[in-house]
Protein backbone atom coordinates (compact mmCIF):
# COMPACT_ATOMS: atom_id res chain seq x y z
CA UNK A 1 -9.79 75.01 40.22
CA UNK A 2 -11.15 71.58 41.01
CA UNK A 3 -9.85 68.04 41.33
CA UNK A 4 -11.99 64.96 41.70
CA UNK A 5 -11.00 62.35 44.24
CA UNK A 6 -13.28 59.59 45.47
CA UNK A 7 -16.29 61.18 43.73
CA UNK A 8 -15.92 64.40 45.76
CA UNK A 9 -15.05 67.82 44.39
CA UNK A 10 -12.07 69.35 46.13
CA UNK A 11 -11.03 72.98 45.81
CA UNK A 12 -7.36 73.98 45.81
CA UNK A 13 -6.93 77.68 46.46
CA UNK A 14 -3.16 78.07 46.02
CA UNK A 15 -1.60 75.53 43.66
CA UNK A 16 2.13 75.69 43.08
CA UNK A 17 3.44 77.34 39.91
CA UNK A 18 4.21 74.00 38.22
CA UNK A 19 0.56 72.95 38.60
CA UNK A 20 -0.69 76.35 37.41
CA UNK A 21 1.50 76.04 34.30
CA UNK A 22 0.23 72.51 33.64
CA UNK A 23 -3.38 73.64 34.09
CA UNK A 24 -2.87 76.41 31.56
CA UNK A 25 -1.41 73.95 29.05
CA UNK A 26 -4.22 71.44 29.63
CA UNK A 27 -6.84 74.13 28.99
CA UNK A 28 -5.05 75.42 25.87
CA UNK A 29 -4.95 71.99 24.26
CA UNK A 30 -8.61 71.38 25.04
CA UNK A 31 -8.58 68.87 27.90
CA UNK A 32 -10.87 69.18 30.92
CA UNK A 33 -9.18 66.90 33.45
CA UNK A 34 -5.71 66.58 34.91
CA UNK A 35 -4.22 64.13 37.40
CA UNK A 36 -1.72 65.63 39.85
CA UNK A 37 -0.17 63.01 42.12
CA UNK A 38 0.26 65.48 44.99
CA UNK A 39 -3.46 66.28 45.01
CA UNK A 40 -5.03 63.06 43.72
CA UNK A 41 -3.26 60.48 45.86
CA UNK A 42 -4.84 60.40 49.30
CA UNK A 43 -2.94 61.02 52.51
CA UNK A 44 -4.26 57.99 54.36
CA UNK A 45 -1.85 55.06 54.42
CA UNK A 46 -4.32 52.57 52.90
CA UNK A 47 -5.60 54.98 50.24
CA UNK A 48 -2.03 55.94 49.34
CA UNK A 49 -1.04 52.27 49.05
CA UNK A 50 -4.00 51.56 46.74
CA UNK A 51 -3.29 54.52 44.45
CA UNK A 52 0.42 53.83 44.24
CA UNK A 53 -0.24 50.19 43.38
CA UNK A 54 -2.43 51.42 40.46
CA UNK A 55 -0.02 54.01 39.05
CA UNK A 56 0.85 51.82 36.06
CA UNK A 57 -2.83 51.77 35.04
CA UNK A 58 -3.29 55.47 35.74
CA UNK A 59 -0.36 56.47 33.54
CA UNK A 60 -1.16 53.82 30.90
CA UNK A 61 -4.59 55.44 30.47
CA UNK A 62 -3.14 58.93 30.11
CA UNK A 63 -3.45 60.73 26.78
CA UNK A 64 -0.59 63.04 27.75
CA UNK A 65 1.97 63.10 30.56
CA UNK A 66 3.47 66.44 31.64
CA UNK A 67 6.69 66.36 33.65
CA UNK A 68 8.53 69.26 35.28
CA UNK A 69 12.15 68.52 34.44
CA UNK A 70 13.96 71.44 36.01
CA UNK A 71 13.65 74.00 38.75
CA UNK A 72 14.87 74.16 42.32
CA UNK A 73 11.32 73.55 43.65
CA UNK A 74 7.70 73.29 42.53
CA UNK A 75 6.97 76.97 43.09
CA UNK A 76 9.25 78.11 40.25
CA UNK A 77 7.16 76.69 37.43
């Protein structure tokens, strides 16, 4: 599984169940890319500030938004 951040490919070896479920849905409906805040927003303070300030544009450009609405934690799916 891959995510693109700052023009670099990043590999995530053990995504949580919620992300796995979303990836499966994205593939089934024919999309190739998925934004996951946890993975796509950088950990550096400045990078985080920049991404968070652009969230309105990021979500405005989305074709589909998937939200996990229940579950005790992200590993339940």
